[in-house]
Amino acid sequence: MNTHTSLRLVFLFLACVVINNVTVARQQIGVSPASTNTYDIPPERNTNTIRFDVTLSGSGSGSLVYRYVARLNGGNEIVKDLGTGAVGFWTNESNRYFTYSIGHGTHTVSVVLQSQPASGNWSNVSSASTTVTLTQYHEIIVRNSFGARSVWVDNVEHPSGTSFTWVKGSTHELTALSIWYDQSQDIEWEFTEWSGGSSSTLPWISIYVDQNAEYKANYDEALYPLVANDFWGEQPYSTPIYAKGSVIEAPRYVRILRQKGLSVGAIDQAWNGLYWEFAQWTGFNRYG
């Protein structure tokens, strides 16, 4: 082989190497959500299943095997085998897309196109990524225990039992009136505590939305029983009796809550020049 021929062969070999590298460089992968980059998750679900479409440009080498690897936030790998020299030529329609079930927040989905010779390791050819944002909504119901009147949510009055749809992670203010008076039934209601999503005994609370929940403002009926001392049919004023944890002057109407009841105690005492000892209770719910 003369010198001229050798130089020409070397040139042709280098030219082939350069052309092959250019062909591989044109093999590009792309990924995008099938419809939009933002999605809502309704209260009845915790995730949305999102489809991602894959695009490939360029033609593959027949001596190489191709695949792409999808990842959600760097994990949850999905591998799709494309076969030999299949870049740009879909032999399986299901390879054109993949799906992830995704929850609340902003997430990154990436794909990497890889090739592998007959004997060797996988190497990256090209990559792409996209982001999607999902917004989780929760249903919050606010009501009174007696099922009527109003509740105050974020300083706005609403009927008891109103349902709200709020974004996960948001905060809201709930307020129950301390005292309700039902004029039609002559009943006075007093707030006692929240139940459901909170157990606070304060009528105003701040809530953090992280799940579906019901908040119920519980009320108890206020009563005003008369407590008095009776001395053989007479009920004089300003005689001592024990009620609600202290000594008061009887007779007196004492405000109590129906579910809590009233604790009273008799006091042996002098009245009208005589000394009187306790004998028995009379009236409703009396104990001897």
C-alpha atoms as a PDB file:
ATOM      1  CA  MET A   1       0.000   0.000   0.000  1.00  0.00           C
ATOM      2  CA  ASN A   2       1.555   3.342  -1.009  1.00  0.00           C
ATOM      3  CA  THR A   3       1.579   6.457   1.132  1.00  0.00           C
ATOM      4  CA  HIS A   4      -1.141   8.195  -0.875  1.00  0.00           C
ATOM      5  CA  THR A   5      -3.564   5.296  -0.456  1.00  0.00           C
ATOM      6  CA  SER A   6      -2.931   5.065   3.285  1.00  0.00           C
ATOM      7  CA  LEU A   7      -3.678   8.717   3.845  1.00  0.00           C
ATOM      8  CA  ARG A   8      -6.930   8.482   1.937  1.00  0.00           C
ATOM      9  CA  LEU A   9      -8.117   5.513   3.997  1.00  0.00           C
ATOM     10  CA  VAL A  10      -7.347   7.275   7.214  1.00  0.00           C
ATOM     11  CA  PHE A  11      -9.306  10.307   6.046  1.00  0.00           C
ATOM     12  CA  LEU A  12     -12.311   8.204   5.074  1.00  0.00           C
ATOM     13  CA  PHE A  13     -12.303   6.495   8.486  1.00  0.00           C
ATOM     14  CA  LEU A  14     -12.249   9.769  10.331  1.00  0.00           C
ATOM     15  CA  ALA A  15     -15.015  11.087   8.131  1.00  0.00           C
ATOM     16  CA  CYS A  16     -17.186   8.085   9.015  1.00  0.00           C
ATOM     17  CA  VAL A  17     -16.559   8.606  12.701  1.00  0.00           C
ATOM     18  CA  VAL A  18     -17.587  12.249  12.486  1.00  0.00           C
ATOM     19  CA  ILE A  19     -20.738  11.508  10.520  1.00  0.00           C
ATOM     20  CA  ASN A  20     -21.777   8.813  13.016  1.00  0.00           C
ATOM     21  CA  ASN A  21     -21.352  11.181  15.947  1.00  0.00           C
ATOM     22  CA  VAL A  22     -23.503  13.794  14.269  1.00  0.00           C
ATOM     23  CA  THR A  23     -26.267  11.216  13.738  1.00  0.00           C
ATOM     24  CA  VAL A  24     -26.295  10.237  17.430  1.00  0.00           C
ATOM     25  CA  ALA A  25     -26.376  13.891  18.490  1.00  0.00           C
ATOM     26  CA  ARG A  26     -29.612  14.409  16.562  1.00  0.00           C
ATOM     27  CA  GLN A  27     -31.402  11.750  18.605  1.00  0.00           C
ATOM     28  CA  GLN A  28     -33.462  13.898  21.008  1.00  0.00           C
ATOM     29  CA  ILE A  29     -36.145  12.956  23.516  1.00  0.00           C
ATOM     30  CA  GLY A  30     -38.904  15.244  24.747  1.00  0.00           C
ATOM     31  CA  VAL A  31     -41.645  14.964  27.373  1.00  0.00           C
ATOM     32  CA  SER A  32     -44.754  16.975  28.215  1.00  0.00           C
ATOM     33  CA  PRO A  33     -48.059  16.483  30.057  1.00  0.00           C
ATOM     34  CA  ALA A  34     -50.786  15.326  27.725  1.00  0.00           C
ATOM     35  CA  SER A  35     -53.043  18.326  28.440  1.00  0.00           C
ATOM     36  CA  THR A  36     -51.873  20.973  30.908  1.00  0.00           C
ATOM     37  CA  ASN A  37     -49.223  21.600  33.549  1.00  0.00           C
ATOM     38  CA  THR A  38     -51.737  22.358  36.325  1.00  0.00           C
ATOM     39  CA  TYR A  39     -54.368  20.033  37.794  1.00  0.00           C
ATOM     40  CA  ASP A  40     -56.913  20.062  40.624  1.00  0.00           C
ATOM     41  CA  ILE A  41     -57.401  17.119  42.983  1.00  0.00           C
ATOM     42  CA  PRO A  42     -61.012  16.990  44.266  1.00  0.00           C
ATOM     43  CA  PRO A  43     -61.764  16.223  47.948  1.00  0.00           C
ATOM     44  CA  GLU A  44     -62.723  12.618  47.238  1.00  0.00           C
ATOM     45  CA  ARG A  45     -59.217  11.767  45.926  1.00  0.00           C
ATOM     46  CA  ASN A  46     -55.628  12.232  47.092  1.00  0.00           C
ATOM     47  CA  THR A  47     -53.927  11.970  43.688  1.00  0.00           C
ATOM     48  CA  ASN A  48     -54.537  12.539  39.994  1.00  0.00           C
ATOM     49  CA  THR A  49     -53.259  10.168  37.309  1.00  0.00           C
ATOM     50  CA  ILE A  50     -51.373  12.295  34.778  1.00  0.00           C
ATOM     51  CA  ARG A  51     -50.375  11.112  31.303  1.00  0.00           C
ATOM     52  CA  PHE A  52     -47.045  12.276  29.866  1.00  0.00           C
ATOM     53  CA  ASP A  53     -46.359  12.133  26.132  1.00  0.00           C
ATOM     54  CA  VAL A  54     -42.869  11.319  24.836  1.00  0.00           C
ATOM     55  CA  THR A  55     -41.396  12.564  21.542  1.00  0.00           C
ATOM     56  CA  LEU A  56     -38.281  11.257  19.777  1.00  0.00           C
ATOM     57  CA  SER A  57     -36.404  12.774  16.865  1.00  0.00           C
ATOM     58  CA  GLY A  58     -33.636  11.270  14.778  1.00  0.00           C
ATOM     59  CA  SER A  59     -33.001   7.701  13.699  1.00  0.00           C
ATOM     60  CA  GLY A  60     -31.170   5.114  15.725  1.00  0.00           C
ATOM     61  CA  SER A  61     -28.299   2.891  14.854  1.00  0.00           C
ATOM     62  CA  GLY A  62     -29.231  -0.672  14.000  1.00  0.00           C
ATOM     63  CA  SER A  63     -26.353  -1.947  16.084  1.00  0.00           C
ATOM     64  CA  LEU A  64     -27.655  -0.319  19.273  1.00  0.00           C
ATOM     65  CA  VAL A  65     -30.568  -1.063  21.592  1.00  0.00           C
ATOM     66  CA  TYR A  66     -32.560   1.924  22.912  1.00  0.00           C
ATOM     67  CA  ARG A  67     -34.770   2.650  25.876  1.00  0.00           C
ATOM     68  CA  TYR A  68     -35.928   5.608  27.909  1.00  0.00           C
ATOM     69  CA  VAL A  69     -36.157   5.932  31.675  1.00  0.00           C
ATOM     70  CA  ALA A  70     -38.806   8.203  33.258  1.00  0.00           C
ATOM     71  CA  ARG A  71     -38.538   9.474  36.834  1.00  0.00           C
ATOM     72  CA  LEU A  72     -40.879  11.353  39.144  1.00  0.00           C
ATOM     73  CA  ASN A  73     -38.978  13.730  41.427  1.00  0.00           C
ATOM     74  CA  GLY A  74     -35.835  11.675  40.860  1.00  0.00           C
ATOM     75  CA  GLY A  75     -37.425   8.325  41.749  1.00  0.00           C
ATOM     76  CA  ASN A  76     -40.311   5.999  40.838  1.00  0.00           C
ATOM     77  CA  GLU A  77     -38.580   4.813  37.651  1.00  0.00           C
ATOM     78  CA  ILE A  78     -40.519   3.688  34.595  1.00  0.00           C
ATOM     79  CA  VAL A  79     -38.459   1.971  31.881  1.00  0.00           C
ATOM     80  CA  LYS A  80     -39.716   1.665  28.291  1.00  0.00           C
ATOM     81  CA  ASP A  81     -37.721  -0.572  25.897  1.00  0.00           C
ATOM     82  CA  LEU A  82     -37.633   0.770  22.333  1.00  0.00           C
ATOM     83  CA  GLY A  83     -35.736  -2.050  20.687  1.00  0.00           C
ATOM     84  CA  THR A  84     -32.893  -1.939  18.171  1.00  0.00           C
ATOM     85  CA  GLY A  85     -32.527   1.287  16.211  1.00  0.00           C
ATOM     86  CA  ALA A  86     -36.052   2.291  17.131  1.00  0.00           C
ATOM     87  CA  VAL A  87     -35.454   5.976  17.861  1.00  0.00           C
ATOM     88  CA  GLY A  88     -38.023   7.900  15.852  1.00  0.00           C
ATOM     89  CA  PHE A  89     -39.858   4.693  14.919  1.00  0.00           C
ATOM     90  CA  TRP A  90     -42.473   3.514  17.406  1.00  0.00           C
ATOM     91  CA  THR A  91     -43.002  -0.231  17.252  1.00  0.00           C
ATOM     92  CA  ASN A  92     -45.291  -0.163  20.297  1.00  0.00           C
ATOM     93  CA  GLU A  93     -47.833   2.637  20.702  1.00  0.00           C
ATOM     94  CA  SER A  94     -47.830   2.263  24.495  1.00  0.00           C
ATOM     95  CA  ASN A  95     -44.206   3.455  24.488  1.00  0.00           C
ATOM     96  CA  ARG A  96     -45.348   6.900  23.362  1.00  0.00           C
ATOM     97  CA  TYR A  97     -46.588   7.753  26.856  1.00  0.00           C
ATOM     98  CA  PHE A  98     -46.434   6.841  30.527  1.00  0.00           C
ATOM     99  CA  THR A  99     -48.512   7.809  33.586  1.00  0.00           C
ATOM    100  CA  TYR A 100     -47.885   8.777  37.196  1.00  0.00           C
ATOM    101  CA  SER A 101     -50.354   9.132  40.069  1.00  0.00           C
ATOM    102  CA  ILE A 102     -49.321  12.425  41.652  1.00  0.00           C
ATOM    103  CA  GLY A 103     -50.409  14.236  44.799  1.00  0.00           C
ATOM    104  CA  HIS A 104     -50.459  17.840  45.993  1.00  0.00           C
ATOM    105  CA  GLY A 105     -47.582  20.165  45.082  1.00  0.00           C
ATOM    106  CA  THR A 106     -45.181  20.913  42.234  1.00  0.00           C
ATOM    107  CA  HIS A 107     -43.379  17.898  40.790  1.00  0.00           C
ATOM    108  CA  THR A 108     -40.624  17.305  38.228  1.00  0.00           C
ATOM    109  CA  VAL A 109     -40.905  14.521  35.651  1.00  0.00           C
ATOM    110  CA  SER A 110     -37.787  13.670  33.643  1.00  0.00           C
ATOM    111  CA  VAL A 111     -36.912  11.245  30.836  1.00  0.00           C
ATOM    112  CA  VAL A 112     -33.513  10.009  29.682  1.00  0.00           C
ATOM    113  CA  LEU A 113     -32.929   8.338  26.313  1.00  0.00           C
ATOM    114  CA  GLN A 114     -30.273   5.623  26.572  1.00  0.00           C
ATOM    115  CA  SER A 115     -28.480   3.339  24.116  1.00  0.00           C
ATOM    116  CA  GLN A 116     -26.542   0.112  24.582  1.00  0.00           C
ATOM    117  CA  PRO A 117     -24.303  -1.844  22.210  1.00  0.00           C
ATOM    118  CA  ALA A 118     -24.607  -5.608  21.847  1.00  0.00           C
ATOM    119  CA  SER A 119     -22.112  -6.063  24.663  1.00  0.00           C
ATOM    120  CA  GLY A 120     -21.704  -3.073  26.907  1.00  0.00           C
ATOM    121  CA  ASN A 121     -23.386  -0.718  29.338  1.00  0.00           C
ATOM    122  CA  TRP A 122     -26.206   1.736  28.897  1.00  0.00           C
ATOM    123  CA  SER A 123     -25.154   5.277  28.072  1.00  0.00           C
ATOM    124  CA  ASN A 124     -27.221   8.471  28.030  1.00  0.00           C
ATOM    125  CA  VAL A 125     -28.067   9.951  24.647  1.00  0.00           C
ATOM    126  CA  SER A 126     -30.349  12.875  25.569  1.00  0.00           C
ATOM    127  CA  SER A 127     -32.715  13.967  28.304  1.00  0.00           C
ATOM    128  CA  ALA A 128     -35.688  16.256  28.957  1.00  0.00           C
ATOM    129  CA  SER A 129     -37.912  17.264  31.869  1.00  0.00           C
ATOM    130  CA  THR A 130     -41.150  19.039  32.677  1.00  0.00           C
ATOM    131  CA  THR A 131     -42.996  20.182  35.790  1.00  0.00           C
ATOM    132  CA  VAL A 132     -46.612  19.775  36.875  1.00  0.00           C
ATOM    133  CA  THR A 133     -48.472  21.409  39.738  1.00  0.00           C
ATOM    134  CA  LEU A 134     -51.369  19.663  41.469  1.00  0.00           C
ATOM    135  CA  THR A 135     -53.640  21.426  43.938  1.00  0.00           C
ATOM    136  CA  GLN A 136     -55.422  19.284  46.539  1.00  0.00           C
ATOM    137  CA  TYR A 137     -58.811  20.476  47.772  1.00  0.00           C
ATOM    138  CA  HIS A 138     -60.516  19.344  50.980  1.00  0.00           C
ATOM    139  CA  GLU A 139     -64.149  19.563  52.079  1.00  0.00           C
ATOM    140  CA  ILE A 140     -64.725  21.242  55.438  1.00  0.00           C
ATOM    141  CA  ILE A 141     -68.202  21.317  57.041  1.00  0.00           C
ATOM    142  CA  VAL A 142     -68.977  23.726  59.896  1.00  0.00           C
ATOM    143  CA  ARG A 143     -72.139  23.329  61.993  1.00  0.00           C
ATOM    144  CA  ASN A 144     -73.787  23.897  65.387  1.00  0.00           C
ATOM    145  CA  SER A 145     -74.762  20.958  67.577  1.00  0.00           C
ATOM    146  CA  PHE A 146     -78.420  21.994  67.638  1.00  0.00           C
ATOM    147  CA  GLY A 147     -78.411  22.240  63.837  1.00  0.00           C
ATOM    148  CA  ALA A 148     -79.742  25.754  63.468  1.00  0.00           C
ATOM    149  CA  ARG A 149     -78.643  29.359  63.306  1.00  0.00           C
ATOM    150  CA  SER A 150     -75.285  30.479  61.978  1.00  0.00           C
ATOM    151  CA  VAL A 151     -71.553  29.918  62.096  1.00  0.00           C
ATOM    152  CA  TRP A 152     -68.877  32.482  61.288  1.00  0.00           C
ATOM    153  CA  VAL A 153     -66.131  31.474  58.891  1.00  0.00           C
ATOM    154  CA  ASP A 154     -63.357  33.948  58.125  1.00  0.00           C
ATOM    155  CA  ASN A 155     -65.547  36.652  59.717  1.00  0.00           C
ATOM    156  CA  VAL A 156     -68.463  35.942  57.357  1.00  0.00           C
ATOM    157  CA  GLU A 157     -71.786  34.554  58.625  1.00  0.00           C
ATOM    158  CA  HIS A 158     -72.968  31.260  57.099  1.00  0.00           C
ATOM    159  CA  PRO A 159     -75.867  28.876  57.867  1.00  0.00           C
ATOM    160  CA  SER A 160     -75.012  25.965  60.137  1.00  0.00           C
ATOM    161  CA  GLY A 161     -73.947  22.939  58.090  1.00  0.00           C
ATOM    162  CA  THR A 162     -72.332  24.916  55.265  1.00  0.00           C
ATOM    163  CA  SER A 163     -69.701  22.983  53.301  1.00  0.00           C
ATOM    164  CA  PHE A 164     -66.503  24.681  52.124  1.00  0.00           C
ATOM    165  CA  THR A 165     -63.931  23.494  49.582  1.00  0.00           C
ATOM    166  CA  TRP A 166     -60.496  24.764  50.559  1.00  0.00           C
ATOM    167  CA  VAL A 167     -56.946  24.293  49.309  1.00  0.00           C
ATOM    168  CA  LYS A 168     -54.692  21.951  51.263  1.00  0.00           C
ATOM    169  CA  GLY A 169     -52.366  23.926  53.509  1.00  0.00           C
ATOM    170  CA  SER A 170     -54.625  26.960  53.829  1.00  0.00           C
ATOM    171  CA  THR A 171     -55.717  28.385  57.204  1.00  0.00           C
ATOM    172  CA  HIS A 172     -59.149  29.672  58.197  1.00  0.00           C
ATOM    173  CA  GLU A 173     -60.876  31.186  61.213  1.00  0.00           C
ATOM    174  CA  LEU A 174     -64.008  29.589  62.729  1.00  0.00           C
ATOM    175  CA  THR A 175     -66.135  31.419  65.283  1.00  0.00           C
ATOM    176  CA  ALA A 176     -69.105  30.207  67.317  1.00  0.00           C
ATOM    177  CA  LEU A 177     -71.287  32.624  69.286  1.00  0.00           C
ATOM    178  CA  SER A 178     -70.783  32.167  73.017  1.00  0.00           C
ATOM    179  CA  ILE A 179     -74.531  32.518  73.723  1.00  0.00           C
ATOM    180  CA  TRP A 180     -77.532  31.827  71.515  1.00  0.00           C
ATOM    181  CA  TYR A 181     -81.057  32.739  72.596  1.00  0.00           C
ATOM    182  CA  ASP A 182     -83.908  30.972  70.822  1.00  0.00           C
ATOM    183  CA  GLN A 183     -86.802  33.342  71.375  1.00  0.00           C
ATOM    184  CA  SER A 184     -89.358  31.050  69.735  1.00  0.00           C
ATOM    185  CA  GLN A 185     -88.687  28.275  72.265  1.00  0.00           C
ATOM    186  CA  ASP A 186     -87.390  30.444  75.104  1.00  0.00           C
ATOM    187  CA  ILE A 187     -84.151  28.457  75.191  1.00  0.00           C
ATOM    188  CA  GLU A 188     -80.727  29.840  75.874  1.00  0.00           C
ATOM    189  CA  TRP A 189     -77.756  27.949  74.419  1.00  0.00           C
ATOM    190  CA  GLU A 190     -74.183  28.304  75.649  1.00  0.00           C
ATOM    191  CA  PHE A 191     -71.097  27.222  73.698  1.00  0.00           C
ATOM    192  CA  THR A 192     -69.081  24.479  75.437  1.00  0.00           C
ATOM    193  CA  GLU A 193     -66.486  23.083  73.002  1.00  0.00           C
ATOM    194  CA  TRP A 194     -65.665  22.087  69.421  1.00  0.00           C
ATOM    195  CA  SER A 195     -65.717  18.489  68.256  1.00  0.00           C
ATOM    196  CA  GLY A 196     -64.663  16.727  65.074  1.00  0.00           C
ATOM    197  CA  GLY A 197     -61.589  18.468  63.721  1.00  0.00           C
ATOM    198  CA  SER A 198     -60.896  20.282  67.008  1.00  0.00           C
ATOM    199  CA  SER A 199     -61.501  19.811  70.731  1.00  0.00           C
ATOM    200  CA  SER A 200     -60.877  23.434  71.731  1.00  0.00           C
ATOM    201  CA  THR A 201     -63.086  24.982  74.405  1.00  0.00           C
ATOM    202  CA  LEU A 202     -62.603  28.453  72.894  1.00  0.00           C
ATOM    203  CA  PRO A 203     -65.410  29.676  70.616  1.00  0.00           C
ATOM    204  CA  TRP A 204     -62.902  30.984  68.054  1.00  0.00           C
ATOM    205  CA  ILE A 205     -60.276  28.729  66.479  1.00  0.00           C
ATOM    206  CA  SER A 206     -57.799  28.832  63.613  1.00  0.00           C
ATOM    207  CA  ILE A 207     -57.675  25.656  61.526  1.00  0.00           C
ATOM    208  CA  TYR A 208     -55.058  24.269  59.139  1.00  0.00           C
ATOM    209  CA  VAL A 209     -56.579  22.369  56.227  1.00  0.00           C
ATOM    210  CA  ASP A 210     -54.883  19.019  55.611  1.00  0.00           C
ATOM    211  CA  GLN A 211     -57.808  16.596  55.253  1.00  0.00           C
ATOM    212  CA  ASN A 212     -61.583  16.453  54.855  1.00  0.00           C
ATOM    213  CA  ALA A 213     -63.177  17.273  58.207  1.00  0.00           C
ATOM    214  CA  GLU A 214     -66.259  18.471  60.073  1.00  0.00           C
ATOM    215  CA  TYR A 215     -66.080  21.065  62.842  1.00  0.00           C
ATOM    216  CA  LYS A 216     -69.057  21.134  65.201  1.00  0.00           C
ATOM    217  CA  ALA A 217     -69.676  23.872  67.743  1.00  0.00           C
ATOM    218  CA  ASN A 218     -71.321  22.134  70.699  1.00  0.00           C
ATOM    219  CA  TYR A 219     -73.874  23.951  72.880  1.00  0.00           C
ATOM    220  CA  ASP A 220     -75.622  23.144  76.110  1.00  0.00           C
ATOM    221  CA  GLU A 221     -78.998  24.456  77.260  1.00  0.00           C
ATOM    222  CA  ALA A 222     -78.862  27.009  80.067  1.00  0.00           C
ATOM    223  CA  LEU A 223     -81.327  26.570  82.955  1.00  0.00           C
ATOM    224  CA  TYR A 224     -82.196  28.839  85.896  1.00  0.00           C
ATOM    225  CA  PRO A 225     -83.417  26.718  88.835  1.00  0.00           C
ATOM    226  CA  LEU A 226     -84.404  28.401  92.116  1.00  0.00           C
ATOM    227  CA  VAL A 227     -82.421  27.403  95.195  1.00  0.00           C
ATOM    228  CA  ALA A 228     -83.871  28.323  98.585  1.00  0.00           C
ATOM    229  CA  ASN A 229     -84.053  27.375 102.223  1.00  0.00           C
ATOM    230  CA  ASP A 230     -87.437  26.391 103.604  1.00  0.00           C
ATOM    231  CA  PHE A 231     -88.255  26.823 107.258  1.00  0.00           C
ATOM    232  CA  TRP A 232     -91.657  25.129 107.824  1.00  0.00           C
ATOM    233  CA  GLY A 233     -93.158  26.671 104.715  1.00  0.00           C
ATOM    234  CA  GLU A 234     -91.360  29.991 104.857  1.00  0.00           C
ATOM    235  CA  GLN A 235     -88.524  30.924 102.477  1.00  0.00           C
ATOM    236  CA  PRO A 236     -86.898  33.972 103.967  1.00  0.00           C
ATOM    237  CA  TYR A 237     -84.395  36.149 102.129  1.00  0.00           C
ATOM    238  CA  SER A 238     -80.665  36.290 102.851  1.00  0.00           C
ATOM    239  CA  THR A 239     -80.234  32.853 104.340  1.00  0.00           C
ATOM    240  CA  PRO A 240     -77.063  30.955 103.310  1.00  0.00           C
ATOM    241  CA  ILE A 241     -77.001  27.920 101.031  1.00  0.00           C
ATOM    242  CA  TYR A 242     -74.158  26.190  99.222  1.00  0.00           C
ATOM    243  CA  ALA A 243     -74.429  26.216  95.416  1.00  0.00           C
ATOM    244  CA  LYS A 244     -71.997  26.130  92.481  1.00  0.00           C
ATOM    245  CA  GLY A 245     -68.955  25.765  94.696  1.00  0.00           C
ATOM    246  CA  SER A 246     -69.597  28.641  97.079  1.00  0.00           C
ATOM    247  CA  VAL A 247     -72.006  29.955  99.745  1.00  0.00           C
ATOM    248  CA  ILE A 248     -74.690  32.246  98.316  1.00  0.00           C
ATOM    249  CA  GLU A 249     -77.650  34.094  99.767  1.00  0.00           C
ATOM    250  CA  ALA A 250     -80.933  32.299  99.142  1.00  0.00           C
ATOM    251  CA  PRO A 251     -83.419  32.295  97.605  1.00  0.00           C
ATOM    252  CA  ARG A 252     -81.754  32.825  94.219  1.00  0.00           C
ATOM    253  CA  TYR A 253     -82.099  31.691  90.636  1.00  0.00           C
ATOM    254  CA  VAL A 254     -78.839  30.011  89.674  1.00  0.00           C
ATOM    255  CA  ARG A 255     -77.704  29.696  86.071  1.00  0.00           C
ATOM    256  CA  ILE A 256     -76.531  26.179  85.157  1.00  0.00           C
ATOM    257  CA  LEU A 257     -76.015  24.061  82.039  1.00  0.00           C
ATOM    258  CA  ARG A 258     -78.325  21.096  81.621  1.00  0.00           C
ATOM    259  CA  GLN A 259     -75.568  18.552  80.906  1.00  0.00           C
ATOM    260  CA  LYS A 260     -73.440  19.712  83.829  1.00  0.00           C
ATOM    261  CA  GLY A 261     -76.219  19.971  86.398  1.00  0.00           C
ATOM    262  CA  LEU A 262     -75.996  21.742  89.750  1.00  0.00           C
ATOM    263  CA  SER A 263     -74.342  20.801  93.018  1.00  0.00           C
ATOM    264  CA  VAL A 264     -76.052  22.278  96.090  1.00  0.00           C
ATOM    265  CA  GLY A 265     -75.524  21.826  99.805  1.00  0.00           C
ATOM    266  CA  ALA A 266     -77.665  22.566 102.851  1.00  0.00           C
ATOM    267  CA  ILE A 267     -76.237  24.508 105.781  1.00  0.00           C
ATOM    268  CA  ASP A 268     -77.437  24.046 109.349  1.00  0.00           C
ATOM    269  CA  GLN A 269     -78.166  27.559 110.613  1.00  0.00           C
ATOM    270  CA  ALA A 270     -79.997  29.829 113.007  1.00  0.00           C
ATOM    271  CA  TRP A 271     -83.082  31.707 111.857  1.00  0.00           C
ATOM    272  CA  ASN A 272     -85.832  33.562 113.662  1.00  0.00           C
ATOM    273  CA  GLY A 273     -84.323  32.771 117.045  1.00  0.00           C
ATOM    274  CA  LEU A 274     -84.142  29.012 116.440  1.00  0.00           C
ATOM    275  CA  TYR A 275     -81.420  26.630 115.215  1.00  0.00           C
ATOM    276  CA  TRP A 276     -82.384  24.624 112.133  1.00  0.00           C
ATOM    277  CA  GLU A 277     -80.856  21.371 110.836  1.00  0.00           C
ATOM    278  CA  PHE A 278     -81.192  19.977 107.307  1.00  0.00           C
ATOM    279  CA  ALA A 279     -84.057  17.484 106.880  1.00  0.00           C
ATOM    280  CA  GLN A 280     -84.581  16.814 103.154  1.00  0.00           C
ATOM    281  CA  TRP A 281     -84.638  18.323  99.645  1.00  0.00           C
ATOM    282  CA  THR A 282     -87.863  19.099  97.816  1.00  0.00           C
ATOM    283  CA  GLY A 283     -88.403  20.022  94.178  1.00  0.00           C
ATOM    284  CA  PHE A 284     -87.085  18.517  90.983  1.00  0.00           C
ATOM    285  CA  ASN A 285     -84.142  16.082  90.955  1.00  0.00           C
ATOM    286  CA  ARG A 286     -84.036  16.093  94.764  1.00  0.00           C
ATOM    287  CA  TYR A 287     -81.800  13.879  96.832  1.00  0.00           C
ATOM    288  CA  GLY A 288     -82.474  13.207 100.534  1.00  0.00           C
END
